[in-house]
Amino acid sequence: MGFLARERQVAPPGWNRWLVPPAALAIHLSIGQAYAWSVFKTPLEKSLGITGTQSALPFQLGIVMLGLSAAVLGTTVERRGPRWAMLMSTIAFCSGLLISALGVWAGQYWVVVLGYGLVGGIGLGIGYISPVSTLIKWFPDRPGMATGIAIMGFGGGALIASPWSTSMLTAFGATTSGIGKAFLVHGIAYAVFMSLGVLLIRLPSKEFTAEKEALLKDRPKATVTHNVSANNAIKTPQFWLLWVVLCFNVTAGIGILEKAAPMLVDFFKESSTPVAATAATGFVALLSAANMAGRFVWSSTSDVVGRKNIYRLYLGVGALLYLVLLTVGSTSTPLFVIAAMVILSFYGAGFATVPAYLRDLFGTYQVGAIHGRLLTAWSVAGVLGPLIVNAIADAGKKAGHTGPDLYATSFYIMISLLVVGFIANELIRPVDPKFHEPKAAVEADQPEAATETGDDTVAKWNEAEAAEAAETADKEDAEGVVKK
């Protein structure tokens, strides 16, 4: 398809690189709706007669499919380009919402699981990684900031979707009819919004090379001259060390996020200042804001202090903050809230900074595909974190424990995981040159790098001109004259 050909995605001369982050945000703000799934849980339970565990399954399957589809399709995304990936994400994610609408209207819970979890989850995975390598190529001087902007959008998607979904359920009714209409509106509206990203996204052309060198002139540490393929990356110890870093950082953050409201209530239930359920709901909102802000602030900071140093902060200070919660967290509500917010800011920042860390280690050649494979760490952490906290808290209640004692063992485990992650980060070294790709092979696999002029790109966009040029070339060749 001409519109989706990689050559058609190359930016014309003079293209403003600051148009690329809004294209990424159009995708990430949309697929970030997944974080607002909790709005639909209770209405689905009441209207379809399902349990809380069943109502959580579409979201859980969606996160699992996010990691799996990102890992499996990462190389295809790199080969086909961001426009193809964003379009596939739009089709899958919005189709998942529309299938869910049909499932609710038909009263078939498993259709909702199939639509939102399986089909929509594939859209989540493709959409999550689709703009990453493109942003890094456009912002070689500030890769942490660039990816932080996009991935901040994924974290902030719930801030839009949550009140919007609530208002629709209020207007349409929390019945099968109303829930189905809400899913339908979501599917159509997000299809329109995500299409803006599909139309706006561009790959850098060869003309950007000179500008790129100027951008990197004052940032010699930001220059990366080597490249590693996705297949070779997973053979390196650096990939697996970073996998451990991401997995354990996410596990520690999601352990608080998933059980935030009841955890705050439990910690201060027997104190002189108990926390009401309504206040605990506000605590969840604060954690969401910290999660989103951390994705941009800390990731941007990594461009200045370096990726290894910023992960020392996430993991080392994160472990100390868990220790603070464990020892004195129940003595002060403000202290508990602030410590938890900082931990959640590190949780979000870990997601946003890891693409830039991958770029530093493996180059920009197939960084999107490598990122996709690394996201399997998220799938593991998404199960591991809540399992640790919930299982231990449930066992504690059966044993008669109350208050902070319900979470003491969980916090010790989180501290241990963060320490292991800290050690893994310290062990990361530059990739052995034997894994580097030859420069010629990288250039041959990058159609945008072979684009010679803006006129050449435009000619490729016009199939009629291309056909005419080919015919002319044949005639000249017959006369013994070869021109290009």
Protein backbone atom coordinates (compact mmCIF):
# COMPACT_ATOMS: atom_id res chain seq x y z
CA MET A 1 0.00 0.00 0.00
CA GLY A 2 1.53 3.31 -1.12
CA PHE A 3 0.35 5.29 1.90
CA LEU A 4 2.00 2.81 4.25
CA ALA A 5 5.23 2.36 2.26
CA ARG A 6 8.23 3.30 4.38
CA GLU A 7 9.41 5.80 1.75
CA ARG A 8 6.11 7.67 2.09
CA GLN A 9 6.82 8.12 5.80
CA VAL A 10 10.05 10.08 5.31
CA ALA A 11 9.79 13.76 6.27
CA PRO A 12 10.26 16.37 3.54
CA PRO A 13 13.10 18.89 3.98
CA GLY A 14 12.41 21.45 6.68
CA TRP A 15 10.02 19.23 8.65
CA ASN A 16 9.73 20.41 12.25
CA ARG A 17 10.74 17.60 14.58
CA TRP A 18 8.47 19.00 17.31
CA LEU A 19 5.49 17.73 15.30
CA VAL A 20 6.53 14.15 16.12
CA PRO A 21 5.84 14.17 19.91
CA PRO A 22 2.17 15.21 19.36
CA ALA A 23 1.83 12.28 16.93
CA ALA A 24 3.13 9.93 19.61
CA LEU A 25 0.85 11.50 22.23
CA ALA A 26 -2.19 10.94 19.99
CA ILE A 27 -1.51 7.21 20.27
CA HIS A 28 -0.37 6.98 23.89
CA LEU A 29 -3.10 9.20 25.35
CA SER A 30 -5.61 6.93 23.62
CA ILE A 31 -4.26 3.52 24.57
CA GLY A 32 -3.67 4.86 28.09
CA GLN A 33 -7.42 4.40 28.50
CA ALA A 34 -6.51 0.94 29.75
CA TYR A 35 -5.53 2.46 33.11
CA ALA A 36 -9.14 3.62 33.53
CA TRP A 37 -10.58 0.10 33.28
CA SER A 38 -11.56 0.18 36.95
CA VAL A 39 -14.39 2.58 36.07
CA PHE A 40 -16.15 -0.27 34.25
CA LYS A 41 -15.50 -3.01 36.82
CA THR A 42 -18.46 -2.48 39.16
CA PRO A 43 -21.01 -1.72 36.39
CA LEU A 44 -19.91 -4.88 34.53
CA GLU A 45 -20.16 -6.99 37.69
CA LYS A 46 -23.71 -5.80 38.36
CA SER A 47 -25.00 -5.88 34.78
CA LEU A 48 -23.41 -9.19 33.72
CA GLY A 49 -23.50 -10.92 37.09
CA ILE A 50 -19.76 -11.60 37.24
CA THR A 51 -17.25 -11.55 40.10
CA GLY A 52 -14.54 -8.98 40.81
CA THR A 53 -11.89 -11.42 39.62
CA GLN A 54 -13.73 -11.92 36.33
CA SER A 55 -14.24 -8.20 35.79
CA ALA A 56 -10.47 -7.67 36.12
CA LEU A 57 -9.63 -10.33 33.51
CA PRO A 58 -10.03 -8.13 30.37
CA PHE A 59 -7.52 -5.63 31.79
CA GLN A 60 -5.10 -8.32 32.97
CA LEU A 61 -5.19 -10.10 29.61
CA GLY A 62 -4.71 -6.74 27.87
CA ILE A 63 -1.49 -6.09 29.82
CA VAL A 64 -0.21 -9.60 29.11
CA MET A 65 -0.96 -9.17 25.40
CA LEU A 66 0.75 -5.77 25.49
CA GLY A 67 4.01 -7.40 26.47
CA LEU A 68 3.65 -10.41 24.17
CA SER A 69 2.60 -8.46 21.06
CA ALA A 70 5.33 -5.87 21.62
CA ALA A 71 7.92 -8.66 21.86
CA VAL A 72 6.66 -10.67 18.88
CA LEU A 73 5.87 -7.77 16.53
CA GLY A 74 8.69 -5.41 17.50
CA THR A 75 10.89 -6.29 14.53
CA THR A 76 7.94 -5.95 12.13
CA VAL A 77 7.19 -2.50 13.55
CA GLU A 78 10.79 -1.45 12.85
CA ARG A 79 10.66 -2.82 9.30
CA ARG A 80 7.26 -1.41 8.34
CA GLY A 81 7.71 1.96 10.02
CA PRO A 82 5.74 3.95 12.59
CA ARG A 83 2.81 4.87 10.33
CA TRP A 84 2.01 1.21 9.66
CA ALA A 85 2.39 0.39 13.35
CA MET A 86 0.17 3.26 14.49
CA LEU A 87 -2.51 2.29 11.98
CA MET A 88 -2.44 -1.34 13.11
CA SER A 89 -2.64 -0.18 16.73
CA THR A 90 -5.63 2.04 15.91
CA ILE A 91 -7.46 -0.79 14.16
CA ALA A 92 -6.79 -3.38 16.88
CA PHE A 93 -7.38 -1.15 19.93
CA CYS A 94 -10.55 0.46 18.62
CA SER A 95 -11.86 -2.86 17.28
CA GLY A 96 -11.37 -4.27 20.75
CA LEU A 97 -13.59 -1.54 22.19
CA LEU A 98 -16.26 -2.12 19.53
CA ILE A 99 -16.19 -5.90 20.09
CA SER A 100 -16.57 -5.22 23.82
CA ALA A 101 -19.61 -3.07 23.11
CA LEU A 102 -21.21 -5.97 21.19
CA GLY A 103 -20.31 -8.37 23.98
CA VAL A 104 -21.97 -6.23 26.65
CA TRP A 105 -25.09 -5.69 24.54
CA ALA A 106 -25.31 -9.46 23.98
CA GLY A 107 -24.68 -10.16 27.65
CA GLN A 108 -21.64 -12.29 26.75
CA TYR A 109 -18.80 -11.65 29.21
CA TRP A 110 -16.26 -13.73 27.27
CA VAL A 111 -16.76 -11.57 24.18
CA VAL A 112 -15.65 -8.60 26.29
CA VAL A 113 -12.57 -10.57 27.38
CA LEU A 114 -11.84 -11.45 23.75
CA GLY A 115 -12.40 -7.90 22.50
CA TYR A 116 -10.77 -5.75 25.16
CA GLY A 117 -8.17 -8.22 26.42
CA LEU A 118 -7.01 -10.11 23.34
CA VAL A 119 -7.69 -7.84 20.34
CA GLY A 120 -7.37 -4.56 22.23
CA GLY A 121 -4.27 -5.85 24.05
CA ILE A 122 -2.51 -6.39 20.72
CA GLY A 123 -3.32 -2.78 19.87
CA LEU A 124 -1.83 -1.72 23.22
CA GLY A 125 1.45 -3.50 22.52
CA ILE A 126 1.92 -2.23 18.96
CA GLY A 127 0.85 1.28 19.92
CA TYR A 128 3.11 1.43 22.95
CA ILE A 129 6.31 0.77 20.99
CA SER A 130 5.31 2.33 17.65
CA PRO A 131 6.71 5.88 18.17
CA VAL A 132 9.67 5.02 20.41
CA SER A 133 12.49 4.49 17.91
CA THR A 134 11.19 7.35 15.73
CA LEU A 135 11.30 9.78 18.65
CA ILE A 136 14.82 8.68 19.53
CA LYS A 137 15.97 9.25 15.93
CA TRP A 138 14.46 12.74 15.86
CA PHE A 139 15.84 13.70 19.29
CA PRO A 140 19.35 12.19 19.48
CA ASP A 141 20.34 15.03 21.82
CA ARG A 142 17.48 14.43 24.28
CA PRO A 143 16.19 10.85 23.90
CA GLY A 144 15.05 10.62 27.53
CA MET A 145 12.90 13.72 27.24
CA ALA A 146 11.42 12.62 23.90
CA THR A 147 10.35 9.17 25.05
CA GLY A 148 9.27 10.65 28.38
CA ILE A 149 6.74 12.86 26.60
CA ALA A 150 5.14 9.93 24.80
CA ILE A 151 5.14 7.47 27.67
CA MET A 152 3.85 10.19 29.97
CA GLY A 153 0.84 10.17 27.67
CA PHE A 154 0.22 6.49 28.38
CA GLY A 155 0.30 7.17 32.11
CA GLY A 156 -1.94 10.21 31.72
CA GLY A 157 -4.50 8.54 29.47
CA ALA A 158 -6.56 7.58 32.50
CA LEU A 159 -6.82 11.20 33.59
CA ILE A 160 -8.88 11.79 30.45
CA ALA A 161 -10.61 8.43 30.13
CA SER A 162 -11.64 8.03 33.78
CA PRO A 163 -13.85 11.14 34.16
CA TRP A 164 -15.04 10.79 30.55
CA SER A 165 -16.11 7.17 31.10
CA THR A 166 -17.77 8.08 34.39
CA SER A 167 -19.76 10.87 32.78
CA MET A 168 -20.90 8.58 29.95
CA LEU A 169 -22.04 5.90 32.38
CA THR A 170 -23.95 8.57 34.29
CA ALA A 171 -25.59 9.81 31.11
CA PHE A 172 -26.23 6.44 29.44
CA GLY A 173 -26.80 4.42 32.61
CA ALA A 174 -24.67 1.69 34.19
CA THR A 175 -26.63 -1.03 32.40
CA THR A 176 -25.64 -3.32 29.53
CA SER A 177 -27.08 -0.73 27.15
CA GLY A 178 -25.22 2.17 28.75
CA ILE A 179 -21.90 0.34 29.08
CA GLY A 180 -22.14 -0.79 25.46
CA LYS A 181 -22.76 2.80 24.32
CA ALA A 182 -19.75 3.99 26.34
CA PHE A 183 -17.50 1.40 24.68
CA LEU A 184 -18.92 2.38 21.27
CA VAL A 185 -18.21 6.08 21.80
CA HIS A 186 -14.71 5.27 23.04
CA GLY A 187 -14.00 3.13 19.99
CA ILE A 188 -15.13 5.78 17.48
CA ALA A 189 -13.58 8.77 19.27
CA TYR A 190 -10.22 7.10 19.81
CA ALA A 191 -10.14 5.95 16.16
CA VAL A 192 -10.42 9.58 15.06
CA PHE A 193 -7.85 10.86 17.55
CA MET A 194 -5.32 8.09 16.86
CA SER A 195 -5.67 8.69 13.12
CA LEU A 196 -4.17 12.14 13.65
CA GLY A 197 -1.00 10.45 14.87
CA VAL A 198 -1.01 8.12 11.85
CA LEU A 199 -1.17 11.10 9.48
CA LEU A 200 1.35 13.25 11.37
CA ILE A 201 4.18 10.80 12.10
CA ARG A 202 7.33 11.08 9.96
CA LEU A 203 10.75 9.44 9.79
CA PRO A 204 13.86 11.69 9.59
CA SER A 205 15.37 12.06 6.14
CA LYS A 206 19.04 12.18 5.15
CA GLU A 207 18.85 15.98 5.27
CA PHE A 208 18.37 15.70 9.01
CA THR A 209 21.87 14.20 9.35
CA ALA A 210 23.62 17.58 9.20
CA GLU A 211 21.19 19.03 11.72
CA LYS A 212 21.66 15.96 13.91
CA GLU A 213 25.41 16.55 14.03
CA ALA A 214 24.80 20.15 15.08
CA LEU A 215 22.42 19.02 17.83
CA LEU A 216 25.00 16.61 19.18
CA LYS A 217 27.90 19.08 18.96
CA ASP A 218 27.45 20.25 22.55
CA ARG A 219 26.39 16.81 23.81
CA PRO A 220 29.27 14.43 22.99
CA LYS A 221 28.03 11.88 25.56
CA ALA A 222 24.72 11.60 23.68
CA THR A 223 26.43 10.34 20.53
CA VAL A 224 26.00 6.63 19.80
CA THR A 225 28.02 5.26 16.89
CA HIS A 226 27.29 1.55 17.17
CA ASN A 227 24.14 -0.47 16.47
CA VAL A 228 22.97 -3.91 17.59
CA SER A 229 20.13 -5.91 16.00
CA ALA A 230 17.20 -7.14 18.08
CA ASN A 231 18.26 -10.76 17.56
CA ASN A 232 21.77 -10.05 18.81
CA ALA A 233 20.59 -7.83 21.67
CA ILE A 234 18.86 -10.70 23.47
CA LYS A 235 22.15 -12.63 23.35
CA THR A 236 23.91 -9.98 25.44
CA PRO A 237 24.08 -9.87 29.26
CA GLN A 238 23.18 -6.17 29.08
CA PHE A 239 19.69 -6.96 27.80
CA TRP A 240 18.93 -9.42 30.57
CA LEU A 241 20.43 -7.22 33.28
CA LEU A 242 18.20 -4.39 32.10
CA TRP A 243 15.27 -6.82 31.99
CA VAL A 244 15.83 -7.50 35.70
CA VAL A 245 16.13 -3.77 36.41
CA LEU A 246 12.83 -2.97 34.70
CA CYS A 247 10.97 -5.97 36.09
CA PHE A 248 11.91 -5.34 39.73
CA ASN A 249 11.42 -1.57 39.52
CA VAL A 250 7.93 -2.10 38.09
CA THR A 251 7.14 -4.84 40.62
CA ALA A 252 7.97 -2.49 43.49
CA GLY A 253 5.83 0.33 42.11
CA ILE A 254 2.80 -1.65 41.02
CA GLY A 255 2.74 -3.36 44.41
CA ILE A 256 1.67 -0.04 45.96
CA LEU A 257 -0.40 1.23 43.03
CA GLU A 258 -2.64 -1.84 42.79
CA LYS A 259 -3.62 -1.77 46.49
CA ALA A 260 -3.10 1.90 47.29
CA ALA A 261 -6.46 2.85 48.82
CA PRO A 262 -6.91 -0.13 51.19
CA MET A 263 -3.22 0.00 52.11
CA LEU A 264 -3.49 3.61 53.31
CA VAL A 265 -6.64 2.81 55.31
CA ASP A 266 -5.02 -0.27 56.89
CA PHE A 267 -1.84 1.58 57.87
CA PHE A 268 -3.71 4.18 59.92
CA LYS A 269 -6.80 2.23 60.98
CA GLU A 270 -5.63 1.84 64.59
CA SER A 271 -3.89 5.23 64.84
CA SER A 272 -5.20 8.46 66.31
CA THR A 273 -5.70 9.80 62.75
CA PRO A 274 -7.52 7.10 60.73
CA VAL A 275 -7.95 7.71 57.02
CA ALA A 276 -11.45 7.68 55.52
CA ALA A 277 -12.21 5.76 52.34
CA THR A 278 -12.92 8.99 50.46
CA ALA A 279 -9.50 10.37 51.41
CA ALA A 280 -7.93 7.11 50.27
CA THR A 281 -9.52 7.65 46.85
CA GLY A 282 -7.78 11.02 46.67
CA PHE A 283 -4.53 9.24 47.54
CA VAL A 284 -4.94 7.07 44.44
CA ALA A 285 -5.34 10.21 42.31
CA LEU A 286 -2.14 11.66 43.80
CA LEU A 287 -0.25 8.47 42.99
CA SER A 288 -1.51 8.59 39.40
CA ALA A 289 -0.32 12.18 39.06
CA ALA A 290 3.10 11.24 40.48
CA ASN A 291 3.28 8.28 38.09
CA MET A 292 2.62 10.56 35.11
CA ALA A 293 4.89 13.43 36.21
CA GLY A 294 7.78 11.08 36.95
CA ARG A 295 7.71 9.77 33.41
CA PHE A 296 8.65 13.19 32.05
CA VAL A 297 10.66 14.81 34.87
CA TRP A 298 12.99 11.95 35.77
CA SER A 299 13.36 10.73 32.18
CA SER A 300 14.36 14.24 31.06
CA THR A 301 16.80 14.42 33.96
CA SER A 302 18.47 11.25 32.69
CA ASP A 303 19.64 13.20 29.62
CA VAL A 304 21.77 15.29 31.98
CA VAL A 305 22.95 12.84 34.65
CA GLY A 306 23.03 9.66 32.55
CA ARG A 307 20.87 6.56 32.44
CA LYS A 308 22.84 4.43 34.92
CA ASN A 309 22.85 7.23 37.49
CA ILE A 310 19.11 7.84 37.20
CA TYR A 311 18.38 4.14 37.74
CA ARG A 312 20.60 4.26 40.81
CA LEU A 313 18.14 6.85 42.06
CA TYR A 314 15.04 4.82 41.12
CA LEU A 315 16.31 1.62 42.72
CA GLY A 316 18.49 2.83 45.59
CA VAL A 317 16.30 5.65 46.86
CA GLY A 318 13.22 3.52 46.14
CA ALA A 319 14.54 0.83 48.49
CA LEU A 320 15.23 3.44 51.19
CA LEU A 321 11.73 4.87 50.83
CA TYR A 322 10.21 1.41 51.25
CA LEU A 323 12.30 1.11 54.42
CA VAL A 324 10.89 4.44 55.61
CA LEU A 325 7.34 3.19 55.02
CA LEU A 326 8.15 -0.02 56.85
CA THR A 327 9.69 1.61 59.94
CA VAL A 328 7.98 4.98 60.43
CA GLY A 329 5.32 5.08 57.72
CA SER A 330 2.46 4.55 60.17
CA THR A 331 3.49 7.52 62.32
CA SER A 332 2.59 10.25 59.82
CA THR A 333 0.05 10.30 57.02
CA PRO A 334 1.85 13.08 55.06
CA LEU A 335 5.12 11.12 55.30
CA PHE A 336 3.44 7.97 54.02
CA VAL A 337 1.78 9.82 51.13
CA ILE A 338 4.95 11.67 50.06
CA ALA A 339 7.12 8.53 50.19
CA ALA A 340 4.56 6.55 48.19
CA MET A 341 4.28 9.34 45.59
CA VAL A 342 8.05 9.40 45.07
CA ILE A 343 8.12 5.59 44.70
CA LEU A 344 5.35 5.85 42.09
CA SER A 345 7.22 8.60 40.26
CA PHE A 346 10.17 6.19 39.99
CA TYR A 347 7.78 3.48 38.77
CA GLY A 348 6.56 5.64 35.88
CA ALA A 349 10.04 6.99 35.18
CA GLY A 350 11.41 3.47 34.82
CA PHE A 351 9.09 2.92 31.85
CA ALA A 352 9.95 6.25 30.25
CA THR A 353 13.72 6.07 30.67
CA VAL A 354 14.31 2.50 29.52
CA PRO A 355 14.01 3.23 25.75
CA ALA A 356 16.81 5.81 26.05
CA TYR A 357 18.88 3.33 28.09
CA LEU A 358 18.39 0.77 25.31
CA ARG A 359 19.42 3.33 22.75
CA ASP A 360 22.63 4.07 24.68
CA LEU A 361 23.47 0.36 24.84
CA PHE A 362 22.26 -0.91 21.45
CA GLY A 363 21.97 2.15 19.17
CA THR A 364 18.93 3.28 17.21
CA TYR A 365 18.91 0.59 14.51
CA GLN A 366 16.23 -1.71 15.99
CA VAL A 367 15.66 -0.06 19.36
CA GLY A 368 11.88 -0.33 19.00
CA ALA A 369 12.07 -4.10 18.50
CA ILE A 370 14.48 -4.46 21.44
CA HIS A 371 12.14 -2.35 23.56
CA GLY A 372 9.25 -4.60 22.61
CA ARG A 373 11.10 -7.69 23.80
CA LEU A 374 12.11 -5.99 27.02
CA LEU A 375 8.47 -5.23 27.82
CA THR A 376 7.97 -8.89 28.69
CA ALA A 377 9.47 -7.74 32.01
CA TRP A 378 6.34 -5.60 32.46
CA SER A 379 4.08 -8.59 31.84
CA VAL A 380 5.90 -10.54 34.56
CA ALA A 381 5.92 -7.60 36.99
CA GLY A 382 2.23 -6.92 36.37
CA VAL A 383 1.46 -10.36 37.80
CA LEU A 384 4.26 -10.54 40.38
CA GLY A 385 3.69 -7.21 42.19
CA PRO A 386 -0.03 -7.54 42.98
CA LEU A 387 0.41 -11.26 43.74
CA ILE A 388 3.05 -10.57 46.39
CA VAL A 389 1.12 -7.80 48.14
CA ASN A 390 -2.35 -9.40 47.98
CA ALA A 391 -1.31 -12.95 48.87
CA ILE A 392 0.70 -11.85 51.91
CA ALA A 393 -2.00 -9.43 53.08
CA ASP A 394 -4.68 -12.11 52.76
CA ALA A 395 -2.53 -14.59 54.68
CA GLY A 396 -1.91 -11.97 57.35
CA LYS A 397 -5.62 -11.34 57.82
CA LYS A 398 -6.23 -15.06 58.29
CA ALA A 399 -3.49 -15.10 60.90
CA GLY A 400 -5.13 -12.22 62.75
CA HIS A 401 -2.67 -9.49 61.78
CA THR A 402 -3.83 -5.89 61.31
CA GLY A 403 -2.51 -2.49 60.26
CA PRO A 404 1.07 -2.21 58.91
CA ASP A 405 1.77 -5.83 59.90
CA LEU A 406 -0.28 -6.90 56.86
CA TYR A 407 2.36 -5.38 54.55
CA ALA A 408 5.65 -5.80 56.46
CA THR A 409 6.72 -8.97 54.65
CA SER A 410 5.69 -7.51 51.26
CA PHE A 411 7.81 -4.41 51.89
CA TYR A 412 10.84 -6.52 52.86
CA ILE A 413 10.44 -8.40 49.57
CA MET A 414 10.16 -5.14 47.60
CA ILE A 415 13.31 -3.80 49.26
CA SER A 416 15.15 -7.00 48.35
CA LEU A 417 13.98 -6.83 44.74
CA LEU A 418 15.08 -3.19 44.41
CA VAL A 419 18.50 -4.06 45.84
CA VAL A 420 18.87 -6.87 43.31
CA GLY A 421 17.82 -4.44 40.57
CA PHE A 422 20.40 -1.93 41.84
CA ILE A 423 23.14 -4.57 41.60
CA ALA A 424 21.99 -5.56 38.09
CA ASN A 425 22.21 -1.91 37.01
CA GLU A 426 25.76 -1.67 38.40
CA LEU A 427 26.79 -4.71 36.35
CA ILE A 428 25.73 -3.16 33.03
CA ARG A 429 28.70 -2.34 30.80
CA PRO A 430 29.03 -1.31 27.12
CA VAL A 431 28.04 -4.04 24.66
CA ASP A 432 30.87 -6.16 23.29
CA PRO A 433 31.77 -4.99 19.74
CA LYS A 434 31.28 -8.54 18.45
CA PHE A 435 27.52 -7.90 18.65
CA HIS A 436 27.69 -4.65 16.63
CA GLU A 437 26.09 -4.56 13.18
CA PRO A 438 28.24 -3.51 10.20
CA LYS A 439 27.53 0.08 9.22
CA ALA A 440 26.74 -0.91 5.63
CA ALA A 441 24.12 -3.43 6.78
CA VAL A 442 22.41 -0.82 8.96
CA GLU A 443 22.32 1.77 6.19
CA ALA A 444 21.01 -0.76 3.66
CA ASP A 445 18.12 -1.59 5.99
CA GLN A 446 17.13 2.05 6.53
CA PRO A 447 15.25 3.30 3.44
CA GLU A 448 15.04 6.83 4.85
CA ALA A 449 18.84 6.99 5.05
CA ALA A 450 19.07 6.24 1.35
CA THR A 451 16.82 9.14 0.40
CA GLU A 452 19.02 11.56 -1.50
CA THR A 453 16.92 14.69 -1.83
CA GLY A 454 13.52 16.05 -1.02
CA ASP A 455 12.67 15.89 -4.74
CA ASP A 456 13.50 12.20 -4.83
CA THR A 457 11.15 11.54 -1.93
CA VAL A 458 8.32 13.43 -3.54
CA ALA A 459 8.88 11.51 -6.78
CA LYS A 460 8.52 8.23 -4.91
CA TRP A 461 5.25 9.48 -3.48
CA ASN A 462 3.87 10.00 -6.97
CA GLU A 463 3.39 6.63 -8.61
CA ALA A 464 2.59 8.16 -11.98
CA GLU A 465 5.88 10.05 -12.02
CA ALA A 466 7.74 6.93 -10.95
CA ALA A 467 6.24 4.92 -13.80
CA GLU A 468 7.06 7.68 -16.28
CA ALA A 469 10.63 7.89 -15.02
CA ALA A 470 11.06 4.14 -15.41
CA GLU A 471 9.77 4.27 -18.98
CA THR A 472 12.14 7.12 -19.84
CA ALA A 473 15.07 5.26 -18.28
CA ASP A 474 14.32 2.20 -20.43
CA LYS A 475 14.37 4.29 -23.59
CA GLU A 476 17.64 5.97 -22.66
CA ASP A 477 19.17 2.64 -21.75
CA ALA A 478 18.32 1.38 -25.23
CA GLU A 479 20.26 4.32 -26.63
CA GLY A 480 23.23 3.50 -24.44
CA VAL A 481 22.70 6.40 -22.06
CA VAL A 482 22.14 5.79 -18.37
CA LYS A 483 20.89 8.64 -16.27
CA LYS A 484 19.52 8.93 -12.74
